[in-house]
N, C-alpha and C. Protein backbone atom coordinates (compact mmCIF):
# COMPACT_ATOMS: atom_id res chain seq x y z
N UNK A 1 93.30 121.02 119.28
CA UNK A 1 93.75 120.14 118.22
C UNK A 1 93.95 120.94 116.94
N UNK A 2 94.99 120.60 116.21
CA UNK A 2 95.21 121.23 114.91
C UNK A 2 94.38 120.50 113.85
N UNK A 3 94.32 121.10 112.67
CA UNK A 3 93.61 120.45 111.57
C UNK A 3 94.12 119.05 111.28
N UNK A 4 95.45 118.87 111.13
CA UNK A 4 95.97 117.53 110.89
C UNK A 4 95.66 116.55 112.03
N UNK A 5 95.68 117.04 113.25
CA UNK A 5 95.35 116.17 114.38
C UNK A 5 93.89 115.73 114.32
N UNK A 6 93.01 116.64 113.93
CA UNK A 6 91.60 116.27 113.76
C UNK A 6 91.45 115.22 112.67
N UNK A 7 92.18 115.40 111.57
CA UNK A 7 92.10 114.44 110.48
C UNK A 7 92.55 113.05 110.94
N UNK A 8 93.68 113.00 111.64
CA UNK A 8 94.18 111.71 112.14
C UNK A 8 93.19 111.06 113.11
N UNK A 9 92.56 111.88 113.94
CA UNK A 9 91.57 111.35 114.89
C UNK A 9 90.36 110.81 114.13
N UNK A 10 89.95 111.50 113.08
CA UNK A 10 88.85 110.99 112.26
C UNK A 10 89.18 109.64 111.65
N UNK A 11 90.40 109.50 111.15
CA UNK A 11 90.84 108.22 110.59
C UNK A 11 90.81 107.12 111.65
N UNK A 12 91.21 107.48 112.85
CA UNK A 12 91.20 106.50 113.96
C UNK A 12 89.78 106.01 114.23
N UNK A 13 88.83 106.94 114.23
CA UNK A 13 87.44 106.56 114.49
C UNK A 13 86.88 105.67 113.38
N UNK A 14 87.29 105.89 112.15
CA UNK A 14 86.83 105.02 111.07
C UNK A 14 87.37 103.60 111.28
N UNK A 15 88.63 103.49 111.65
CA UNK A 15 89.18 102.16 111.93
C UNK A 15 88.44 101.48 113.09
N UNK A 16 88.10 102.27 114.11
CA UNK A 16 87.37 101.72 115.25
C UNK A 16 85.95 101.30 114.84
N UNK A 17 85.33 102.06 113.95
CA UNK A 17 83.99 101.70 113.47
C UNK A 17 84.03 100.36 112.74
N UNK A 18 85.09 100.13 111.99
CA UNK A 18 85.23 98.85 111.27
C UNK A 18 85.33 97.67 112.23
N UNK A 19 85.85 97.91 113.43
CA UNK A 19 86.02 96.84 114.42
C UNK A 19 84.88 96.78 115.43
N UNK A 20 83.91 97.67 115.30
CA UNK A 20 82.83 97.76 116.28
C UNK A 20 82.05 96.45 116.38
N UNK A 21 81.60 96.17 117.57
CA UNK A 21 80.85 94.94 117.82
C UNK A 21 79.35 95.12 117.63
N UNK A 22 78.88 96.35 117.67
CA UNK A 22 77.45 96.61 117.49
C UNK A 22 77.25 97.75 116.50
N UNK A 23 76.10 97.81 115.85
CA UNK A 23 75.82 98.93 114.96
C UNK A 23 75.84 100.28 115.69
N UNK A 24 75.38 100.28 116.94
CA UNK A 24 75.37 101.52 117.71
C UNK A 24 76.79 102.02 117.95
N UNK A 25 77.69 101.11 118.28
CA UNK A 25 79.09 101.49 118.50
C UNK A 25 79.72 102.01 117.21
N UNK A 26 79.43 101.34 116.10
CA UNK A 26 79.95 101.79 114.80
C UNK A 26 79.42 103.17 114.46
N UNK A 27 78.15 103.40 114.73
CA UNK A 27 77.54 104.69 114.45
C UNK A 27 78.18 105.81 115.28
N UNK A 28 78.46 105.53 116.54
CA UNK A 28 79.11 106.54 117.39
C UNK A 28 80.49 106.89 116.84
N UNK A 29 81.24 105.89 116.41
CA UNK A 29 82.57 106.16 115.85
C UNK A 29 82.48 106.93 114.54
N UNK A 30 81.51 106.59 113.70
CA UNK A 30 81.38 107.30 112.43
C UNK A 30 80.95 108.75 112.66
N UNK A 31 80.11 108.98 113.65
CA UNK A 31 79.71 110.34 113.98
C UNK A 31 80.90 111.14 114.49
N UNK A 32 81.71 110.53 115.33
CA UNK A 32 82.91 111.21 115.83
C UNK A 32 83.88 111.49 114.69
N UNK A 33 84.02 110.53 113.77
CA UNK A 33 84.90 110.73 112.62
C UNK A 33 84.44 111.92 111.79
N UNK A 34 83.14 111.99 111.54
CA UNK A 34 82.60 113.10 110.75
C UNK A 34 82.87 114.44 111.43
N UNK A 35 82.71 114.49 112.73
CA UNK A 35 82.97 115.71 113.47
C UNK A 35 84.43 116.14 113.34
N UNK A 36 85.34 115.19 113.47
CA UNK A 36 86.76 115.51 113.35
C UNK A 36 87.12 115.93 111.92
N UNK A 37 86.54 115.25 110.92
CA UNK A 37 86.83 115.64 109.54
C UNK A 37 86.29 117.04 109.25
N UNK A 38 85.13 117.37 109.79
CA UNK A 38 84.60 118.73 109.62
C UNK A 38 85.53 119.76 110.25
N UNK A 39 86.03 119.48 111.44
CA UNK A 39 86.95 120.41 112.10
C UNK A 39 88.24 120.55 111.30
N UNK A 40 88.74 119.44 110.75
CA UNK A 40 89.95 119.51 109.92
C UNK A 40 89.70 120.35 108.68
N UNK A 41 88.54 120.19 108.08
CA UNK A 41 88.19 120.97 106.89
C UNK A 41 88.10 122.46 107.20
N UNK A 42 87.48 122.80 108.30
CA UNK A 42 87.37 124.20 108.70
C UNK A 42 88.76 124.79 108.95
N UNK A 43 89.62 124.03 109.61
CA UNK A 43 90.99 124.52 109.87
C UNK A 43 91.73 124.75 108.55
N UNK A 44 91.56 123.84 107.61
CA UNK A 44 92.21 124.00 106.30
C UNK A 44 91.69 125.24 105.59
N UNK A 45 90.38 125.42 105.58
CA UNK A 45 89.81 126.60 104.93
C UNK A 45 90.27 127.89 105.60
N UNK A 46 90.31 127.89 106.92
CA UNK A 46 90.76 129.09 107.63
C UNK A 46 92.20 129.41 107.30
N UNK A 47 93.04 128.39 107.26
CA UNK A 47 94.46 128.61 106.97
C UNK A 47 94.66 129.06 105.52
N UNK A 48 93.81 128.57 104.62
CA UNK A 48 93.93 128.90 103.20
C UNK A 48 93.36 130.27 102.87
N UNK A 49 92.19 130.57 103.41
CA UNK A 49 91.49 131.80 103.04
C UNK A 49 91.79 132.99 103.94
N UNK A 50 92.30 132.74 105.12
CA UNK A 50 92.64 133.82 106.04
C UNK A 50 94.04 133.60 106.61
N UNK A 51 95.05 133.45 105.76
CA UNK A 51 96.39 133.11 106.27
C UNK A 51 96.99 134.17 107.19
N UNK A 52 96.55 135.42 107.07
CA UNK A 52 97.10 136.47 107.91
C UNK A 52 96.32 136.72 109.18
N UNK A 53 95.25 135.98 109.39
CA UNK A 53 94.40 136.20 110.56
C UNK A 53 95.05 135.62 111.81
N UNK A 54 95.45 136.49 112.71
CA UNK A 54 96.08 136.06 113.95
C UNK A 54 95.10 135.22 114.77
N UNK A 55 93.85 135.63 114.83
CA UNK A 55 92.86 134.90 115.61
C UNK A 55 92.70 133.47 115.10
N UNK A 56 92.61 133.30 113.77
CA UNK A 56 92.47 131.95 113.22
C UNK A 56 93.74 131.14 113.43
N UNK A 57 94.88 131.74 113.25
CA UNK A 57 96.13 131.00 113.44
C UNK A 57 96.27 130.53 114.89
N UNK A 58 95.85 131.36 115.83
CA UNK A 58 95.88 130.94 117.24
C UNK A 58 94.87 129.83 117.50
N UNK A 59 93.71 129.91 116.84
CA UNK A 59 92.66 128.92 117.05
C UNK A 59 93.00 127.56 116.46
N UNK A 60 93.63 127.55 115.28
CA UNK A 60 93.88 126.27 114.61
C UNK A 60 95.26 125.69 114.90
N UNK A 61 96.10 126.42 115.57
CA UNK A 61 97.41 125.90 115.95
C UNK A 61 98.44 126.05 114.84
N UNK A 62 99.58 125.39 115.02
CA UNK A 62 100.71 125.56 114.08
C UNK A 62 100.41 125.10 112.67
């Protein structure tokens, strides 16, 4: 997944948490959202601070 894809997935999990039927289900979605937002943030930082790094560019996608 690319950084933007992780961000969109995080947004999806927040919407699902809002519709959750139980607190446990909402918590699982919020945890997944946080994980995706962290991955998106790392991808952004890697692209910003190491723009010439071939390894990072391959890891984070286009």
